Amino acid sequence: MSKAMDAFYRFLDEPIFPWARVLLALLTIFIGLSFTAPMWHLNMEAPQYPQGLDLYVYSYKVDGGNDGNDVQEINVLNHYIGMAPLDRAALTDLDWIPFLFAAMIIFALRTAVIGKVGSMIDLLVMTTYAGAFGFGRLYYKLYTFGHNLDPRAPVTVEPFTPAVLGSKQIANFTTHAYLGLGTWYVAIFATGLTLILLAHLVIGRKRHVASASA
């Protein structure tokens, strides 16, 4: 057991391959691109809205379809059922997400220049945690919106949780929720980082076997 642990710690302390440093630095471009596209997209369909209403959540803002006018229309509808507005002020997590992404870029570039394998594992853990926590918070926010309804609202509906992913029927609206392109950019970064780590593990293992048999 101790030999296995020693080998693992040696693996963590190994320098990153030169080609991996270049790839890791290039992968940070995808984190930067995530600021240019929505992280999450909600579409609402109903007979009175044949074109649908669209809500886009970026890492730092909330936007809507129809030149942003859909956000106001959605919030008017929410008012009738006693639901709080879905806007930037309500989604306070967008205050810190840009700083988290910026920290990921800085950490990744630092790792690419002077980091070791252990630093890449720390970066992957940070990225995974950020994704899981971010969508966990999104679910919590949507749950809160749909369950804290004003009982004095003109229209009474049962408490609900808007769809986070997939489709859901709410009153006469069919809602569709999707991961936005910004989330896929972060996923590309995480996938690339994982593949680099696996390459280090496989190549390092082969080198260890070769040196042991020499």
N, C-alpha and C. Protein backbone atom coordinates (compact mmCIF):
# COMPACT_ATOMS: atom_id res chain seq x y z
N MET A 1 0.83 -1.21 0.00
CA MET A 1 0.00 0.00 0.00
C MET A 1 0.86 1.25 0.00
N SER A 2 1.94 1.21 0.85
CA SER A 2 2.82 2.38 0.93
C SER A 2 3.53 2.62 -0.39
N LYS A 3 3.92 1.53 -1.08
CA LYS A 3 4.57 1.69 -2.38
C LYS A 3 3.63 2.34 -3.38
N ALA A 4 2.37 1.93 -3.35
CA ALA A 4 1.38 2.51 -4.26
C ALA A 4 1.20 3.99 -3.98
N MET A 5 1.13 4.36 -2.69
CA MET A 5 0.98 5.76 -2.33
C MET A 5 2.21 6.57 -2.72
N ASP A 6 3.38 5.99 -2.51
CA ASP A 6 4.62 6.68 -2.91
C ASP A 6 4.64 6.93 -4.41
N ALA A 7 4.21 5.91 -5.17
CA ALA A 7 4.17 6.07 -6.62
C ALA A 7 3.17 7.14 -7.03
N PHE A 8 2.04 7.21 -6.32
CA PHE A 8 1.02 8.21 -6.63
C PHE A 8 1.55 9.62 -6.35
N TYR A 9 2.21 9.78 -5.22
CA TYR A 9 2.75 11.10 -4.88
C TYR A 9 3.86 11.51 -5.85
N ARG A 10 4.64 10.54 -6.29
CA ARG A 10 5.67 10.85 -7.30
C ARG A 10 5.01 11.30 -8.60
N PHE A 11 3.89 10.65 -8.92
CA PHE A 11 3.15 11.03 -10.14
C PHE A 11 2.64 12.47 -10.03
N LEU A 12 2.12 12.84 -8.85
CA LEU A 12 1.62 14.20 -8.66
C LEU A 12 2.74 15.23 -8.79
N ASP A 13 3.95 14.83 -8.44
CA ASP A 13 5.07 15.77 -8.43
C ASP A 13 5.82 15.82 -9.76
N GLU A 14 5.36 15.03 -10.73
CA GLU A 14 6.03 15.02 -12.03
C GLU A 14 5.74 16.31 -12.80
N PRO A 15 6.71 16.80 -13.55
CA PRO A 15 6.47 17.99 -14.37
C PRO A 15 5.54 17.66 -15.53
N ILE A 16 4.83 18.66 -15.97
CA ILE A 16 3.93 18.48 -17.11
C ILE A 16 4.74 18.40 -18.40
N PHE A 17 4.30 17.55 -19.31
CA PHE A 17 4.99 17.43 -20.60
C PHE A 17 4.94 18.77 -21.34
N PRO A 18 5.97 19.10 -22.08
CA PRO A 18 5.98 20.38 -22.80
C PRO A 18 4.77 20.57 -23.72
N TRP A 19 4.41 19.51 -24.46
CA TRP A 19 3.25 19.64 -25.36
C TRP A 19 1.96 19.87 -24.58
N ALA A 20 1.90 19.30 -23.37
CA ALA A 20 0.71 19.47 -22.55
C ALA A 20 0.60 20.90 -22.03
N ARG A 21 1.73 21.54 -21.78
CA ARG A 21 1.70 22.93 -21.33
C ARG A 21 1.09 23.83 -22.41
N VAL A 22 1.47 23.55 -23.66
CA VAL A 22 0.93 24.34 -24.77
C VAL A 22 -0.57 24.11 -24.90
N LEU A 23 -0.99 22.84 -24.84
CA LEU A 23 -2.42 22.52 -24.98
C LEU A 23 -3.23 23.13 -23.85
N LEU A 24 -2.69 23.07 -22.63
CA LEU A 24 -3.41 23.62 -21.49
C LEU A 24 -3.60 25.13 -21.63
N ALA A 25 -2.55 25.80 -22.11
CA ALA A 25 -2.67 27.24 -22.32
C ALA A 25 -3.72 27.55 -23.39
N LEU A 26 -3.75 26.74 -24.44
CA LEU A 26 -4.74 26.96 -25.51
C LEU A 26 -6.16 26.69 -25.02
N LEU A 27 -6.30 25.73 -24.12
CA LEU A 27 -7.64 25.39 -23.62
C LEU A 27 -8.28 26.55 -22.86
N THR A 28 -7.48 27.44 -22.31
CA THR A 28 -8.06 28.57 -21.58
C THR A 28 -8.86 29.48 -22.51
N ILE A 29 -8.62 29.38 -23.79
CA ILE A 29 -9.40 30.17 -24.75
C ILE A 29 -10.89 29.84 -24.61
N PHE A 30 -11.20 28.56 -24.34
CA PHE A 30 -12.61 28.16 -24.23
C PHE A 30 -13.26 28.75 -22.98
N ILE A 31 -12.50 28.91 -21.91
CA ILE A 31 -13.06 29.58 -20.73
C ILE A 31 -13.38 31.03 -21.08
N GLY A 32 -12.46 31.66 -21.82
CA GLY A 32 -12.72 33.03 -22.25
C GLY A 32 -13.94 33.13 -23.16
N LEU A 33 -14.10 32.15 -24.05
CA LEU A 33 -15.25 32.16 -24.95
C LEU A 33 -16.57 31.98 -24.21
N SER A 34 -16.52 31.38 -23.03
CA SER A 34 -17.77 31.15 -22.29
C SER A 34 -18.44 32.47 -21.91
N PHE A 35 -17.68 33.57 -21.88
CA PHE A 35 -18.28 34.87 -21.57
C PHE A 35 -19.11 35.39 -22.75
N THR A 36 -18.90 34.84 -23.93
CA THR A 36 -19.56 35.38 -25.13
C THR A 36 -20.87 34.67 -25.44
N ALA A 37 -21.21 33.62 -24.71
CA ALA A 37 -22.40 32.82 -25.04
C ALA A 37 -23.15 32.49 -23.76
N PRO A 38 -24.47 32.25 -23.86
CA PRO A 38 -25.25 31.92 -22.66
C PRO A 38 -24.85 30.57 -22.08
N MET A 39 -24.94 30.49 -20.75
CA MET A 39 -24.67 29.24 -20.06
C MET A 39 -25.92 28.36 -20.02
N TRP A 40 -27.09 29.00 -20.08
CA TRP A 40 -28.36 28.28 -19.94
C TRP A 40 -29.43 29.01 -20.73
N HIS A 41 -30.34 28.23 -21.34
CA HIS A 41 -31.37 28.80 -22.22
C HIS A 41 -32.71 28.18 -21.85
N LEU A 42 -33.70 29.03 -21.61
CA LEU A 42 -35.07 28.58 -21.34
C LEU A 42 -35.98 29.10 -22.43
N ASN A 43 -36.74 28.20 -23.06
CA ASN A 43 -37.72 28.56 -24.08
C ASN A 43 -39.11 28.21 -23.57
N MET A 44 -40.06 29.14 -23.75
CA MET A 44 -41.43 28.94 -23.30
C MET A 44 -42.37 29.04 -24.49
N GLU A 45 -43.17 27.99 -24.69
CA GLU A 45 -44.12 27.95 -25.80
C GLU A 45 -45.55 27.94 -25.27
N ALA A 46 -46.43 28.67 -25.95
CA ALA A 46 -47.85 28.69 -25.60
C ALA A 46 -48.63 29.14 -26.84
N PRO A 47 -49.93 28.82 -26.92
CA PRO A 47 -50.72 29.22 -28.10
C PRO A 47 -50.67 30.71 -28.36
N GLN A 48 -50.63 31.53 -27.30
CA GLN A 48 -50.61 32.98 -27.50
C GLN A 48 -49.23 33.52 -27.86
N TYR A 49 -48.22 32.63 -27.80
CA TYR A 49 -46.85 33.01 -28.17
C TYR A 49 -46.31 31.99 -29.17
N PRO A 50 -46.79 32.03 -30.39
CA PRO A 50 -46.39 31.02 -31.38
C PRO A 50 -44.89 31.01 -31.66
N GLN A 51 -44.21 32.16 -31.49
CA GLN A 51 -42.77 32.20 -31.70
C GLN A 51 -41.99 31.80 -30.45
N GLY A 52 -42.69 31.68 -29.33
CA GLY A 52 -42.05 31.32 -28.09
C GLY A 52 -41.37 32.51 -27.43
N LEU A 53 -41.05 32.35 -26.16
CA LEU A 53 -40.31 33.34 -25.40
C LEU A 53 -39.00 32.71 -24.94
N ASP A 54 -37.92 33.47 -25.03
CA ASP A 54 -36.59 32.92 -24.73
C ASP A 54 -35.91 33.72 -23.64
N LEU A 55 -35.32 32.98 -22.70
CA LEU A 55 -34.53 33.58 -21.62
C LEU A 55 -33.13 32.98 -21.68
N TYR A 56 -32.12 33.83 -21.68
CA TYR A 56 -30.73 33.39 -21.75
C TYR A 56 -29.99 33.87 -20.51
N VAL A 57 -29.33 32.94 -19.82
CA VAL A 57 -28.52 33.28 -18.65
C VAL A 57 -27.06 33.13 -19.01
N TYR A 58 -26.34 34.24 -19.02
CA TYR A 58 -24.90 34.23 -19.24
C TYR A 58 -24.19 34.10 -17.90
N SER A 59 -22.88 34.05 -17.93
CA SER A 59 -22.12 33.97 -16.68
C SER A 59 -22.18 35.27 -15.89
N TYR A 60 -22.68 36.34 -16.52
CA TYR A 60 -22.66 37.64 -15.85
C TYR A 60 -23.93 38.46 -16.08
N LYS A 61 -24.87 37.98 -16.88
CA LYS A 61 -26.07 38.76 -17.15
C LYS A 61 -27.22 37.86 -17.55
N VAL A 62 -28.43 38.45 -17.59
CA VAL A 62 -29.64 37.77 -18.07
C VAL A 62 -30.12 38.53 -19.30
N ASP A 63 -30.43 37.78 -20.35
CA ASP A 63 -30.89 38.40 -21.60
C ASP A 63 -32.09 37.62 -22.11
N GLY A 64 -32.77 38.19 -23.09
CA GLY A 64 -33.94 37.53 -23.64
C GLY A 64 -33.99 37.62 -25.15
N GLY A 65 -34.87 36.82 -25.73
CA GLY A 65 -35.07 36.90 -27.17
C GLY A 65 -35.80 38.17 -27.55
N ASN A 66 -36.00 38.36 -28.86
CA ASN A 66 -36.70 39.55 -29.34
C ASN A 66 -36.03 40.83 -28.85
N ASP A 67 -34.70 40.87 -29.04
CA ASP A 67 -33.90 42.04 -28.62
C ASP A 67 -34.02 42.32 -27.13
N GLY A 68 -34.14 41.28 -26.34
CA GLY A 68 -34.20 41.43 -24.89
C GLY A 68 -35.60 41.62 -24.33
N ASN A 69 -36.59 41.83 -25.19
CA ASN A 69 -37.95 42.12 -24.72
C ASN A 69 -38.64 40.91 -24.09
N ASP A 70 -38.17 39.70 -24.41
CA ASP A 70 -38.81 38.51 -23.86
C ASP A 70 -38.67 38.43 -22.34
N VAL A 71 -37.58 38.99 -21.81
CA VAL A 71 -37.41 38.97 -20.35
C VAL A 71 -38.55 39.72 -19.68
N GLN A 72 -38.87 40.89 -20.19
CA GLN A 72 -39.96 41.68 -19.61
C GLN A 72 -41.28 40.95 -19.76
N GLU A 73 -41.51 40.32 -20.92
CA GLU A 73 -42.77 39.61 -21.14
C GLU A 73 -42.89 38.42 -20.19
N ILE A 74 -41.79 37.69 -20.00
CA ILE A 74 -41.81 36.55 -19.08
C ILE A 74 -42.11 37.02 -17.66
N ASN A 75 -41.52 38.12 -17.26
CA ASN A 75 -41.75 38.61 -15.90
C ASN A 75 -43.17 39.15 -15.70
N VAL A 76 -43.79 39.67 -16.76
CA VAL A 76 -45.20 40.06 -16.67
C VAL A 76 -46.06 38.82 -16.42
N LEU A 77 -45.77 37.75 -17.15
CA LEU A 77 -46.51 36.50 -16.94
C LEU A 77 -46.27 35.95 -15.54
N ASN A 78 -45.00 36.03 -15.08
CA ASN A 78 -44.69 35.55 -13.73
C ASN A 78 -45.46 36.34 -12.66
N HIS A 79 -45.65 37.64 -12.93
CA HIS A 79 -46.36 38.48 -11.97
C HIS A 79 -47.80 37.98 -11.76
N TYR A 80 -48.43 37.49 -12.82
CA TYR A 80 -49.81 37.03 -12.72
C TYR A 80 -49.95 35.80 -11.84
N ILE A 81 -48.88 35.00 -11.74
CA ILE A 81 -48.95 33.81 -10.89
C ILE A 81 -48.23 34.03 -9.56
N GLY A 82 -47.78 35.27 -9.31
CA GLY A 82 -47.14 35.59 -8.04
C GLY A 82 -45.70 35.18 -7.94
N MET A 83 -45.03 35.02 -9.07
CA MET A 83 -43.63 34.61 -9.09
C MET A 83 -42.72 35.82 -9.19
N ALA A 84 -41.62 35.80 -8.45
CA ALA A 84 -40.67 36.91 -8.47
C ALA A 84 -40.04 37.04 -9.85
N PRO A 85 -39.60 38.23 -10.22
CA PRO A 85 -39.00 38.44 -11.55
C PRO A 85 -37.73 37.61 -11.74
N LEU A 86 -37.59 37.07 -12.93
CA LEU A 86 -36.36 36.39 -13.32
C LEU A 86 -35.46 37.43 -13.98
N ASP A 87 -34.60 38.04 -13.19
CA ASP A 87 -33.75 39.08 -13.76
C ASP A 87 -32.36 39.02 -13.12
N ARG A 88 -31.50 39.93 -13.56
CA ARG A 88 -30.11 39.94 -13.08
C ARG A 88 -30.04 40.16 -11.57
N ALA A 89 -30.88 41.02 -11.06
CA ALA A 89 -30.84 41.31 -9.62
C ALA A 89 -31.17 40.08 -8.79
N ALA A 90 -32.06 39.22 -9.30
CA ALA A 90 -32.47 38.04 -8.54
C ALA A 90 -31.41 36.93 -8.59
N LEU A 91 -30.66 36.86 -9.69
CA LEU A 91 -29.65 35.82 -9.85
C LEU A 91 -28.31 36.35 -9.34
N THR A 92 -28.18 36.43 -8.03
CA THR A 92 -26.99 37.02 -7.42
C THR A 92 -25.73 36.20 -7.64
N ASP A 93 -25.87 34.92 -8.01
CA ASP A 93 -24.68 34.10 -8.26
C ASP A 93 -23.87 34.64 -9.45
N LEU A 94 -24.53 35.40 -10.31
CA LEU A 94 -23.81 35.96 -11.45
C LEU A 94 -22.81 37.03 -11.01
N ASP A 95 -22.84 37.40 -9.72
CA ASP A 95 -21.87 38.36 -9.21
C ASP A 95 -20.48 37.75 -9.11
N TRP A 96 -20.42 36.43 -8.80
CA TRP A 96 -19.11 35.83 -8.56
C TRP A 96 -18.65 34.88 -9.66
N ILE A 97 -19.54 34.42 -10.51
CA ILE A 97 -19.13 33.47 -11.55
C ILE A 97 -18.05 34.03 -12.48
N PRO A 98 -18.14 35.28 -12.94
CA PRO A 98 -17.05 35.80 -13.79
C PRO A 98 -15.69 35.78 -13.10
N PHE A 99 -15.67 36.06 -11.79
CA PHE A 99 -14.40 36.04 -11.06
C PHE A 99 -13.87 34.61 -10.94
N LEU A 100 -14.78 33.64 -10.78
CA LEU A 100 -14.37 32.24 -10.74
C LEU A 100 -13.74 31.82 -12.05
N PHE A 101 -14.38 32.19 -13.16
CA PHE A 101 -13.83 31.84 -14.47
C PHE A 101 -12.48 32.52 -14.71
N ALA A 102 -12.37 33.78 -14.28
CA ALA A 102 -11.10 34.48 -14.41
C ALA A 102 -10.01 33.79 -13.60
N ALA A 103 -10.37 33.33 -12.38
CA ALA A 103 -9.41 32.61 -11.55
C ALA A 103 -8.99 31.29 -12.20
N MET A 104 -9.94 30.62 -12.86
CA MET A 104 -9.62 29.37 -13.55
C MET A 104 -8.63 29.61 -14.67
N ILE A 105 -8.81 30.71 -15.41
CA ILE A 105 -7.88 31.03 -16.50
C ILE A 105 -6.49 31.30 -15.94
N ILE A 106 -6.43 32.11 -14.86
CA ILE A 106 -5.13 32.44 -14.26
C ILE A 106 -4.44 31.19 -13.72
N PHE A 107 -5.20 30.35 -13.03
CA PHE A 107 -4.64 29.12 -12.47
C PHE A 107 -4.17 28.19 -13.57
N ALA A 108 -4.95 28.08 -14.66
CA ALA A 108 -4.57 27.20 -15.76
C ALA A 108 -3.29 27.69 -16.45
N LEU A 109 -3.18 29.00 -16.65
CA LEU A 109 -1.98 29.54 -17.27
C LEU A 109 -0.77 29.37 -16.36
N ARG A 110 -0.98 29.57 -15.07
CA ARG A 110 0.12 29.36 -14.12
C ARG A 110 0.57 27.91 -14.14
N THR A 111 -0.41 26.99 -14.19
CA THR A 111 -0.09 25.56 -14.25
C THR A 111 0.65 25.23 -15.53
N ALA A 112 0.24 25.83 -16.63
CA ALA A 112 0.90 25.57 -17.90
C ALA A 112 2.36 26.02 -17.88
N VAL A 113 2.67 27.06 -17.12
CA VAL A 113 4.03 27.61 -17.10
C VAL A 113 4.91 26.90 -16.08
N ILE A 114 4.42 26.75 -14.84
CA ILE A 114 5.29 26.23 -13.77
C ILE A 114 4.66 25.07 -13.01
N GLY A 115 3.48 24.62 -13.41
CA GLY A 115 2.78 23.61 -12.63
C GLY A 115 3.27 22.20 -12.87
N LYS A 116 2.76 21.31 -12.02
CA LYS A 116 3.04 19.88 -12.13
C LYS A 116 1.73 19.13 -12.30
N VAL A 117 1.80 17.81 -12.36
CA VAL A 117 0.59 17.01 -12.57
C VAL A 117 -0.43 17.27 -11.46
N GLY A 118 0.05 17.41 -10.24
CA GLY A 118 -0.86 17.68 -9.13
C GLY A 118 -1.64 18.96 -9.32
N SER A 119 -1.02 19.96 -9.93
CA SER A 119 -1.71 21.23 -10.18
C SER A 119 -2.84 21.03 -11.18
N MET A 120 -2.64 20.17 -12.18
CA MET A 120 -3.69 19.91 -13.15
C MET A 120 -4.88 19.21 -12.49
N ILE A 121 -4.58 18.30 -11.55
CA ILE A 121 -5.67 17.63 -10.83
C ILE A 121 -6.45 18.65 -10.01
N ASP A 122 -5.73 19.56 -9.33
CA ASP A 122 -6.42 20.62 -8.58
C ASP A 122 -7.30 21.46 -9.49
N LEU A 123 -6.82 21.77 -10.68
CA LEU A 123 -7.58 22.57 -11.64
C LEU A 123 -8.82 21.83 -12.10
N LEU A 124 -8.70 20.53 -12.34
CA LEU A 124 -9.86 19.74 -12.77
C LEU A 124 -10.89 19.66 -11.65
N VAL A 125 -10.44 19.51 -10.41
CA VAL A 125 -11.36 19.48 -9.27
C VAL A 125 -12.09 20.82 -9.17
N MET A 126 -11.37 21.92 -9.34
CA MET A 126 -11.99 23.24 -9.29
C MET A 126 -13.04 23.40 -10.38
N THR A 127 -12.71 22.95 -11.59
CA THR A 127 -13.63 23.08 -12.71
C THR A 127 -14.88 22.23 -12.49
N THR A 128 -14.70 21.00 -12.02
CA THR A 128 -15.83 20.11 -11.76
C THR A 128 -16.72 20.67 -10.66
N TYR A 129 -16.09 21.17 -9.61
CA TYR A 129 -16.85 21.75 -8.50
C TYR A 129 -17.64 22.97 -8.97
N ALA A 130 -17.00 23.82 -9.76
CA ALA A 130 -17.67 25.02 -10.25
C ALA A 130 -18.91 24.66 -11.06
N GLY A 131 -18.78 23.65 -11.94
CA GLY A 131 -19.92 23.24 -12.75
C GLY A 131 -21.05 22.65 -11.92
N ALA A 132 -20.69 21.75 -10.99
CA ALA A 132 -21.71 21.12 -10.16
C ALA A 132 -22.39 22.14 -9.24
N PHE A 133 -21.58 23.01 -8.63
CA PHE A 133 -22.14 24.00 -7.71
C PHE A 133 -23.00 25.02 -8.47
N GLY A 134 -22.54 25.43 -9.66
CA GLY A 134 -23.28 26.41 -10.44
C GLY A 134 -24.66 25.91 -10.82
N PHE A 135 -24.76 24.68 -11.29
CA PHE A 135 -26.07 24.18 -11.69
C PHE A 135 -26.89 23.75 -10.48
N GLY A 136 -26.22 23.41 -9.39
CA GLY A 136 -26.96 23.18 -8.15
C GLY A 136 -27.62 24.46 -7.66
N ARG A 137 -26.89 25.56 -7.75
CA ARG A 137 -27.45 26.85 -7.37
C ARG A 137 -28.57 27.28 -8.32
N LEU A 138 -28.40 26.98 -9.61
CA LEU A 138 -29.46 27.31 -10.56
C LEU A 138 -30.74 26.56 -10.21
N TYR A 139 -30.61 25.27 -9.90
CA TYR A 139 -31.80 24.48 -9.52
C TYR A 139 -32.43 25.07 -8.26
N TYR A 140 -31.61 25.42 -7.29
CA TYR A 140 -32.12 25.99 -6.04
C TYR A 140 -32.87 27.30 -6.30
N LYS A 141 -32.28 28.16 -7.15
CA LYS A 141 -32.94 29.43 -7.46
C LYS A 141 -34.28 29.20 -8.14
N LEU A 142 -34.31 28.30 -9.12
CA LEU A 142 -35.55 28.04 -9.83
C LEU A 142 -36.60 27.42 -8.90
N TYR A 143 -36.15 26.53 -8.02
CA TYR A 143 -37.07 25.95 -7.04
C TYR A 143 -37.67 27.04 -6.16
N THR A 144 -36.82 27.97 -5.73
CA THR A 144 -37.29 29.06 -4.87
C THR A 144 -38.28 29.94 -5.62
N PHE A 145 -37.97 30.26 -6.89
CA PHE A 145 -38.88 31.08 -7.68
C PHE A 145 -40.26 30.42 -7.79
N GLY A 146 -40.26 29.11 -8.05
CA GLY A 146 -41.52 28.41 -8.31
C GLY A 146 -42.30 28.02 -7.07
N HIS A 147 -41.67 28.07 -5.90
CA HIS A 147 -42.36 27.66 -4.68
C HIS A 147 -42.71 28.83 -3.76
N ASN A 148 -42.05 29.97 -3.95
CA ASN A 148 -42.38 31.16 -3.15
C ASN A 148 -43.31 32.06 -3.95
N LEU A 149 -44.52 31.57 -4.17
CA LEU A 149 -45.49 32.31 -4.97
C LEU A 149 -46.36 33.19 -4.07
N ASP A 150 -46.68 34.36 -4.56
CA ASP A 150 -47.52 35.29 -3.81
C ASP A 150 -48.96 34.77 -3.81
N PRO A 151 -49.52 34.46 -2.64
CA PRO A 151 -50.90 33.93 -2.59
C PRO A 151 -51.94 34.95 -3.05
N ARG A 152 -51.55 36.22 -3.13
CA ARG A 152 -52.50 37.26 -3.58
C ARG A 152 -52.50 37.44 -5.09
N ALA A 153 -51.74 36.61 -5.80
CA ALA A 153 -51.63 36.75 -7.26
C ALA A 153 -52.98 36.49 -7.93
N PRO A 154 -53.23 37.14 -9.08
CA PRO A 154 -54.51 36.96 -9.78
C PRO A 154 -54.78 35.53 -10.21
N VAL A 155 -53.71 34.79 -10.57
CA VAL A 155 -53.87 33.42 -11.04
C VAL A 155 -53.20 32.48 -10.04
N THR A 156 -53.92 31.47 -9.61
CA THR A 156 -53.39 30.52 -8.64
C THR A 156 -52.90 29.27 -9.36
N VAL A 157 -51.65 28.91 -9.11
CA VAL A 157 -51.09 27.67 -9.65
C VAL A 157 -50.41 26.92 -8.51
N GLU A 158 -50.29 25.62 -8.68
CA GLU A 158 -49.58 24.82 -7.69
C GLU A 158 -48.09 25.18 -7.74
N PRO A 159 -47.42 25.18 -6.59
CA PRO A 159 -45.96 25.42 -6.60
C PRO A 159 -45.26 24.44 -7.54
N PHE A 160 -44.22 24.89 -8.17
CA PHE A 160 -43.54 24.08 -9.18
C PHE A 160 -42.07 24.46 -9.23
N THR A 161 -41.29 23.63 -9.90
CA THR A 161 -39.89 23.94 -10.18
C THR A 161 -39.73 24.01 -11.69
N PRO A 162 -39.37 25.17 -12.22
CA PRO A 162 -39.14 25.25 -13.68
C PRO A 162 -38.08 24.24 -14.12
N ALA A 163 -38.18 23.82 -15.36
CA ALA A 163 -37.23 22.84 -15.88
C ALA A 163 -35.82 23.41 -15.88
N VAL A 164 -34.88 22.64 -15.35
CA VAL A 164 -33.46 23.00 -15.44
C VAL A 164 -32.87 22.46 -16.73
N LEU A 165 -33.23 21.23 -17.06
CA LEU A 165 -32.88 20.60 -18.34
C LEU A 165 -34.08 19.78 -18.80
N GLY A 166 -34.33 19.78 -20.10
CA GLY A 166 -35.45 19.02 -20.63
C GLY A 166 -36.70 19.87 -20.73
N SER A 167 -37.84 19.20 -20.87
CA SER A 167 -39.13 19.87 -21.09
C SER A 167 -40.06 19.67 -19.91
N LYS A 168 -40.96 20.64 -19.73
CA LYS A 168 -41.91 20.56 -18.62
C LYS A 168 -43.14 21.39 -18.96
N GLN A 169 -44.30 20.89 -18.58
CA GLN A 169 -45.56 21.60 -18.80
C GLN A 169 -45.92 22.37 -17.54
N ILE A 170 -46.12 23.67 -17.67
CA ILE A 170 -46.53 24.52 -16.55
C ILE A 170 -47.72 25.34 -17.03
N ALA A 171 -48.90 25.03 -16.47
CA ALA A 171 -50.15 25.66 -16.92
C ALA A 171 -50.29 25.42 -18.43
N ASN A 172 -50.49 26.48 -19.22
CA ASN A 172 -50.63 26.28 -20.66
C ASN A 172 -49.31 26.51 -21.40
N PHE A 173 -48.20 26.57 -20.65
CA PHE A 173 -46.89 26.76 -21.26
C PHE A 173 -46.11 25.45 -21.26
N THR A 174 -45.43 25.19 -22.36
CA THR A 174 -44.46 24.11 -22.43
C THR A 174 -43.08 24.74 -22.40
N THR A 175 -42.31 24.39 -21.39
CA THR A 175 -40.98 24.99 -21.26
C THR A 175 -39.90 23.98 -21.67
N HIS A 176 -38.86 24.49 -22.29
CA HIS A 176 -37.72 23.67 -22.71
C HIS A 176 -36.46 24.34 -22.19
N ALA A 177 -35.64 23.60 -21.46
CA ALA A 177 -34.41 24.15 -20.89
C ALA A 177 -33.21 23.41 -21.48
N TYR A 178 -32.19 24.17 -21.85
CA TYR A 178 -31.02 23.62 -22.51
C TYR A 178 -29.74 24.18 -21.87
N LEU A 179 -28.66 23.41 -21.99
CA LEU A 179 -27.35 23.95 -21.69
C LEU A 179 -26.96 24.90 -22.82
N GLY A 180 -26.45 26.07 -22.48
CA GLY A 180 -26.04 27.02 -23.49
C GLY A 180 -24.63 26.74 -24.00
N LEU A 181 -24.26 27.42 -25.06
CA LEU A 181 -22.94 27.22 -25.67
C LEU A 181 -21.83 27.56 -24.68
N GLY A 182 -22.08 28.55 -23.79
CA GLY A 182 -21.07 28.90 -22.81
C GLY A 182 -20.71 27.74 -21.91
N THR A 183 -21.71 26.93 -21.52
CA THR A 183 -21.45 25.75 -20.70
C THR A 183 -20.66 24.72 -21.46
N TRP A 184 -20.97 24.56 -22.76
CA TRP A 184 -20.22 23.59 -23.57
C TRP A 184 -18.77 24.02 -23.74
N TYR A 185 -18.52 25.32 -23.78
CA TYR A 185 -17.13 25.79 -23.84
C TYR A 185 -16.36 25.35 -22.58
N VAL A 186 -16.99 25.51 -21.42
CA VAL A 186 -16.34 25.08 -20.19
C VAL A 186 -16.16 23.57 -20.18
N ALA A 187 -17.15 22.84 -20.73
CA ALA A 187 -17.05 21.38 -20.80
C ALA A 187 -15.89 20.95 -21.70
N ILE A 188 -15.65 21.68 -22.78
CA ILE A 188 -14.52 21.37 -23.66
C ILE A 188 -13.21 21.55 -22.89
N PHE A 189 -13.12 22.63 -22.11
CA PHE A 189 -11.94 22.86 -21.28
C PHE A 189 -11.72 21.70 -20.32
N ALA A 190 -12.79 21.29 -19.60
CA ALA A 190 -12.68 20.21 -18.63
C ALA A 190 -12.32 18.88 -19.30
N THR A 191 -12.92 18.61 -20.47
CA THR A 191 -12.62 17.37 -21.20
C THR A 191 -11.17 17.35 -21.66
N GLY A 192 -10.70 18.46 -22.21
CA GLY A 192 -9.31 18.53 -22.65
C GLY A 192 -8.35 18.34 -21.51
N LEU A 193 -8.65 18.95 -20.37
CA LEU A 193 -7.80 18.80 -19.19
C LEU A 193 -7.78 17.35 -18.72
N THR A 194 -8.93 16.69 -18.73
CA THR A 194 -9.01 15.28 -18.34
C THR A 194 -8.17 14.40 -19.26
N LEU A 195 -8.25 14.66 -20.56
CA LEU A 195 -7.48 13.86 -21.52
C LEU A 195 -5.98 14.06 -21.33
N ILE A 196 -5.57 15.28 -21.02
CA ILE A 196 -4.15 15.54 -20.76
C ILE A 196 -3.69 14.77 -19.53
N LEU A 197 -4.51 14.75 -18.49
CA LEU A 197 -4.17 14.01 -17.28
C LEU A 197 -4.07 12.51 -17.56
N LEU A 198 -5.02 11.99 -18.35
CA LEU A 198 -4.98 10.56 -18.69
C LEU A 198 -3.74 10.23 -19.51
N ALA A 199 -3.34 11.14 -20.39
CA ALA A 199 -2.12 10.92 -21.18
C ALA A 199 -0.90 10.85 -20.27
N HIS A 200 -0.84 11.73 -19.27
CA HIS A 200 0.27 11.68 -18.33
C HIS A 200 0.27 10.38 -17.55
N LEU A 201 -0.92 9.91 -17.17
CA LEU A 201 -1.02 8.67 -16.41
C LEU A 201 -0.55 7.48 -17.25
N VAL A 202 -1.01 7.40 -18.50
CA VAL A 202 -0.66 6.27 -19.37
C VAL A 202 0.83 6.30 -19.73
N ILE A 203 1.30 7.46 -20.16
CA ILE A 203 2.71 7.57 -20.57
C ILE A 203 3.62 7.37 -19.37
N GLY A 204 3.24 7.97 -18.23
CA GLY A 204 4.05 7.80 -17.03
C GLY A 204 4.12 6.35 -16.60
N ARG A 205 2.99 5.63 -16.71
CA ARG A 205 2.97 4.21 -16.34
C ARG A 205 3.89 3.41 -17.26
N LYS A 206 3.84 3.69 -18.55
CA LYS A 206 4.71 2.98 -19.50
C LYS A 206 6.18 3.23 -19.19
N ARG A 207 6.51 4.46 -18.86
CA ARG A 207 7.89 4.79 -18.54
C ARG A 207 8.34 4.07 -17.27
N HIS A 208 7.43 3.97 -16.28
CA HIS A 208 7.76 3.29 -15.04
C HIS A 208 8.03 1.81 -15.30
N VAL A 209 7.17 1.18 -16.13
CA VAL A 209 7.36 -0.23 -16.44
C VAL A 209 8.66 -0.44 -17.21
N ALA A 210 8.94 0.47 -18.17
CA ALA A 210 10.16 0.34 -18.96
C ALA A 210 11.40 0.47 -18.09
N SER A 211 11.39 1.43 -17.16
CA SER A 211 12.56 1.64 -16.29
C SER A 211 12.73 0.48 -15.31
N ALA A 212 11.61 -0.13 -14.88
CA ALA A 212 11.69 -1.22 -13.94
C ALA A 212 12.25 -2.50 -14.59
N SER A 213 11.96 -2.66 -15.87
CA SER A 213 12.42 -3.86 -16.58
C SER A 213 13.81 -3.70 -17.17
N ALA A 214 14.33 -2.47 -17.14
CA ALA A 214 15.66 -2.23 -17.74
C ALA A 214 16.77 -2.79 -16.85
